[in-house]
Amino acid sequence: MGILAQTIEKEVTADGELPTGFLFASVKNVGSQPVLVNGVTLAAGEAKSYPFVGKGYQAIPYQAGGSTLRILYTL
């Protein structure tokens, strides 16, 4: 990790995870099917965020389940 924060924005349709050490994240289900983020169901159109808390987060898994996730996070 460099001295400047890096913001990553992407849309995904496959399972994955927010990487260890992220400082802030926002995940929105822009598809039509429910998805799982950190083991919690996120209905179509719903979003959740992980705010800055002063230290990095552990990795957060997500399962797209045939839907599309719009993800923004800062490392």
N, C-alpha and C. Protein backbone atom coordinates (compact mmCIF):
# COMPACT_ATOMS: atom_id res chain seq x y z
N MET A 1 0.84 -1.17 0.00
CA MET A 1 0.00 0.00 0.00
C MET A 1 0.89 1.24 0.00
N GLY A 2 0.62 2.17 -0.91
CA GLY A 2 1.39 3.40 -0.99
C GLY A 2 0.94 4.40 0.06
N ILE A 3 1.47 5.63 -0.02
CA ILE A 3 1.11 6.63 0.98
C ILE A 3 -0.21 7.32 0.66
N LEU A 4 -0.68 7.18 -0.59
CA LEU A 4 -1.97 7.76 -0.97
C LEU A 4 -3.02 6.66 -1.09
N ALA A 5 -4.25 7.00 -0.68
CA ALA A 5 -5.34 6.04 -0.79
C ALA A 5 -5.69 5.82 -2.25
N GLN A 6 -6.15 4.63 -2.57
CA GLN A 6 -6.54 4.29 -3.93
C GLN A 6 -8.01 3.88 -3.92
N THR A 7 -8.83 4.51 -4.76
CA THR A 7 -10.24 4.18 -4.86
C THR A 7 -10.46 3.27 -6.06
N ILE A 8 -11.19 2.18 -5.85
CA ILE A 8 -11.49 1.22 -6.90
C ILE A 8 -13.00 1.18 -7.07
N GLU A 9 -13.47 1.25 -8.31
CA GLU A 9 -14.89 1.14 -8.63
C GLU A 9 -15.05 0.07 -9.69
N LYS A 10 -16.04 -0.82 -9.48
CA LYS A 10 -16.24 -1.88 -10.47
C LYS A 10 -17.64 -2.46 -10.35
N GLU A 11 -18.08 -3.13 -11.40
CA GLU A 11 -19.31 -3.91 -11.38
C GLU A 11 -18.90 -5.36 -11.56
N VAL A 12 -19.50 -6.23 -10.75
CA VAL A 12 -19.14 -7.65 -10.80
C VAL A 12 -20.39 -8.51 -10.89
N THR A 13 -20.24 -9.67 -11.51
CA THR A 13 -21.32 -10.63 -11.61
C THR A 13 -20.90 -11.99 -11.05
N ALA A 14 -19.68 -12.06 -10.55
CA ALA A 14 -19.14 -13.30 -9.99
C ALA A 14 -18.84 -13.11 -8.51
N ASP A 15 -18.72 -14.21 -7.79
CA ASP A 15 -18.39 -14.17 -6.37
C ASP A 15 -16.98 -13.62 -6.17
N GLY A 16 -16.75 -13.02 -5.01
CA GLY A 16 -15.44 -12.49 -4.69
C GLY A 16 -15.41 -11.94 -3.29
N GLU A 17 -14.50 -11.00 -3.04
CA GLU A 17 -14.42 -10.39 -1.72
C GLU A 17 -13.79 -9.01 -1.81
N LEU A 18 -14.20 -8.17 -0.87
CA LEU A 18 -13.52 -6.90 -0.68
C LEU A 18 -12.20 -7.24 -0.01
N PRO A 19 -11.09 -6.67 -0.44
CA PRO A 19 -9.78 -7.11 0.05
C PRO A 19 -9.49 -6.68 1.49
N THR A 20 -8.70 -7.46 2.15
CA THR A 20 -8.23 -7.12 3.50
C THR A 20 -7.55 -5.76 3.46
N GLY A 21 -7.85 -4.92 4.45
CA GLY A 21 -7.21 -3.63 4.56
C GLY A 21 -7.97 -2.46 3.97
N PHE A 22 -9.15 -2.72 3.34
CA PHE A 22 -9.87 -1.59 2.76
C PHE A 22 -10.31 -0.64 3.88
N LEU A 23 -10.40 0.65 3.56
CA LEU A 23 -10.71 1.68 4.56
C LEU A 23 -12.17 2.11 4.54
N PHE A 24 -12.82 2.00 3.40
CA PHE A 24 -14.22 2.35 3.21
C PHE A 24 -14.74 1.52 2.06
N ALA A 25 -16.01 1.12 2.10
CA ALA A 25 -16.60 0.40 0.97
C ALA A 25 -18.09 0.66 0.89
N SER A 26 -18.59 0.59 -0.33
CA SER A 26 -20.01 0.69 -0.61
C SER A 26 -20.34 -0.39 -1.62
N VAL A 27 -21.42 -1.14 -1.37
CA VAL A 27 -21.84 -2.22 -2.25
C VAL A 27 -23.32 -2.04 -2.54
N LYS A 28 -23.69 -2.01 -3.83
CA LYS A 28 -25.10 -1.89 -4.21
C LYS A 28 -25.46 -3.01 -5.16
N ASN A 29 -26.60 -3.63 -4.92
CA ASN A 29 -27.11 -4.67 -5.80
C ASN A 29 -27.90 -3.97 -6.91
N VAL A 30 -27.31 -3.84 -8.09
CA VAL A 30 -27.97 -3.18 -9.21
C VAL A 30 -28.63 -4.18 -10.15
N GLY A 31 -28.62 -5.44 -9.77
CA GLY A 31 -29.27 -6.48 -10.56
C GLY A 31 -30.68 -6.74 -10.08
N SER A 32 -31.22 -7.88 -10.49
CA SER A 32 -32.61 -8.20 -10.16
C SER A 32 -32.77 -9.35 -9.18
N GLN A 33 -31.67 -9.99 -8.79
CA GLN A 33 -31.72 -11.12 -7.87
C GLN A 33 -31.07 -10.74 -6.53
N PRO A 34 -31.48 -11.38 -5.43
CA PRO A 34 -30.81 -11.14 -4.15
C PRO A 34 -29.36 -11.62 -4.19
N VAL A 35 -28.51 -10.98 -3.40
CA VAL A 35 -27.10 -11.36 -3.29
C VAL A 35 -26.77 -11.50 -1.81
N LEU A 36 -25.61 -12.08 -1.53
CA LEU A 36 -25.12 -12.17 -0.16
C LEU A 36 -23.85 -11.34 -0.03
N VAL A 37 -23.82 -10.47 0.98
CA VAL A 37 -22.63 -9.69 1.28
C VAL A 37 -22.33 -9.90 2.76
N ASN A 38 -21.18 -10.50 3.04
CA ASN A 38 -20.79 -10.81 4.41
C ASN A 38 -21.83 -11.69 5.09
N GLY A 39 -22.45 -12.59 4.30
CA GLY A 39 -23.43 -13.52 4.84
C GLY A 39 -24.82 -12.95 5.04
N VAL A 40 -25.06 -11.69 4.64
CA VAL A 40 -26.35 -11.04 4.81
C VAL A 40 -26.97 -10.81 3.42
N THR A 41 -28.26 -11.10 3.27
CA THR A 41 -28.94 -10.91 2.00
C THR A 41 -29.13 -9.44 1.69
N LEU A 42 -28.84 -9.09 0.45
CA LEU A 42 -29.04 -7.73 -0.05
C LEU A 42 -29.99 -7.85 -1.24
N ALA A 43 -31.22 -7.35 -1.07
CA ALA A 43 -32.23 -7.45 -2.13
C ALA A 43 -31.86 -6.55 -3.30
N ALA A 44 -32.50 -6.79 -4.44
CA ALA A 44 -32.29 -5.95 -5.62
C ALA A 44 -32.57 -4.50 -5.27
N GLY A 45 -31.65 -3.62 -5.63
CA GLY A 45 -31.80 -2.19 -5.37
C GLY A 45 -31.26 -1.73 -4.03
N GLU A 46 -30.95 -2.64 -3.13
CA GLU A 46 -30.43 -2.27 -1.81
C GLU A 46 -28.92 -2.06 -1.85
N ALA A 47 -28.46 -1.24 -0.91
CA ALA A 47 -27.02 -0.96 -0.79
C ALA A 47 -26.63 -1.02 0.67
N LYS A 48 -25.35 -1.22 0.89
CA LYS A 48 -24.80 -1.14 2.26
C LYS A 48 -23.40 -0.57 2.17
N SER A 49 -22.96 0.00 3.27
CA SER A 49 -21.62 0.57 3.27
C SER A 49 -20.88 0.17 4.53
N TYR A 50 -19.57 0.23 4.43
CA TYR A 50 -18.67 0.00 5.54
C TYR A 50 -17.89 1.29 5.71
N PRO A 51 -18.25 2.12 6.69
CA PRO A 51 -17.63 3.44 6.83
C PRO A 51 -16.21 3.37 7.36
N PHE A 52 -15.48 4.47 7.20
CA PHE A 52 -14.14 4.57 7.75
C PHE A 52 -14.22 4.49 9.27
N VAL A 53 -13.45 3.61 9.88
CA VAL A 53 -13.47 3.42 11.33
C VAL A 53 -12.09 3.62 11.96
N GLY A 54 -11.14 4.15 11.21
CA GLY A 54 -9.82 4.43 11.76
C GLY A 54 -8.79 3.35 11.54
N LYS A 55 -9.20 2.20 11.01
CA LYS A 55 -8.26 1.14 10.67
C LYS A 55 -8.89 0.30 9.57
N GLY A 56 -8.08 -0.51 8.91
CA GLY A 56 -8.58 -1.33 7.80
C GLY A 56 -9.49 -2.46 8.25
N TYR A 57 -10.36 -2.88 7.35
CA TYR A 57 -11.28 -3.99 7.59
C TYR A 57 -10.64 -5.31 7.20
N GLN A 58 -11.17 -6.39 7.76
CA GLN A 58 -10.85 -7.72 7.27
C GLN A 58 -11.57 -7.91 5.94
N ALA A 59 -11.19 -8.92 5.17
CA ALA A 59 -11.84 -9.20 3.89
C ALA A 59 -13.33 -9.47 4.12
N ILE A 60 -14.17 -8.98 3.21
CA ILE A 60 -15.62 -9.17 3.27
C ILE A 60 -16.04 -9.93 2.01
N PRO A 61 -16.57 -11.16 2.15
CA PRO A 61 -16.97 -11.93 0.96
C PRO A 61 -18.32 -11.49 0.42
N TYR A 62 -18.51 -11.69 -0.88
CA TYR A 62 -19.82 -11.47 -1.49
C TYR A 62 -20.10 -12.57 -2.49
N GLN A 63 -21.39 -12.89 -2.64
CA GLN A 63 -21.84 -13.89 -3.60
C GLN A 63 -22.88 -13.24 -4.50
N ALA A 64 -22.57 -13.09 -5.77
CA ALA A 64 -23.42 -12.36 -6.70
C ALA A 64 -24.73 -13.09 -7.01
N GLY A 65 -24.76 -14.38 -6.94
CA GLY A 65 -26.00 -15.13 -7.12
C GLY A 65 -26.77 -14.81 -8.39
N GLY A 66 -26.09 -14.57 -9.50
CA GLY A 66 -26.77 -14.28 -10.76
C GLY A 66 -27.17 -12.82 -10.92
N SER A 67 -26.76 -11.97 -10.02
CA SER A 67 -27.09 -10.55 -10.07
C SER A 67 -25.82 -9.74 -10.36
N THR A 68 -25.92 -8.42 -10.29
CA THR A 68 -24.78 -7.54 -10.53
C THR A 68 -24.58 -6.65 -9.32
N LEU A 69 -23.34 -6.56 -8.86
CA LEU A 69 -22.99 -5.69 -7.73
C LEU A 69 -22.15 -4.53 -8.23
N ARG A 70 -22.49 -3.32 -7.79
CA ARG A 70 -21.66 -2.15 -8.05
C ARG A 70 -20.87 -1.91 -6.77
N ILE A 71 -19.56 -1.95 -6.85
CA ILE A 71 -18.70 -1.90 -5.67
C ILE A 71 -17.74 -0.72 -5.78
N LEU A 72 -17.59 -0.01 -4.70
CA LEU A 72 -16.60 1.07 -4.58
C LEU A 72 -15.89 0.84 -3.26
N TYR A 73 -14.57 0.84 -3.27
CA TYR A 73 -13.84 0.73 -2.01
C TYR A 73 -12.53 1.50 -2.10
N THR A 74 -12.03 1.86 -0.93
CA THR A 74 -10.78 2.60 -0.82
C THR A 74 -9.77 1.78 -0.05
N LEU A 75 -8.58 1.66 -0.63
CA LEU A 75 -7.45 0.98 0.02
C LEU A 75 -6.50 2.02 0.54
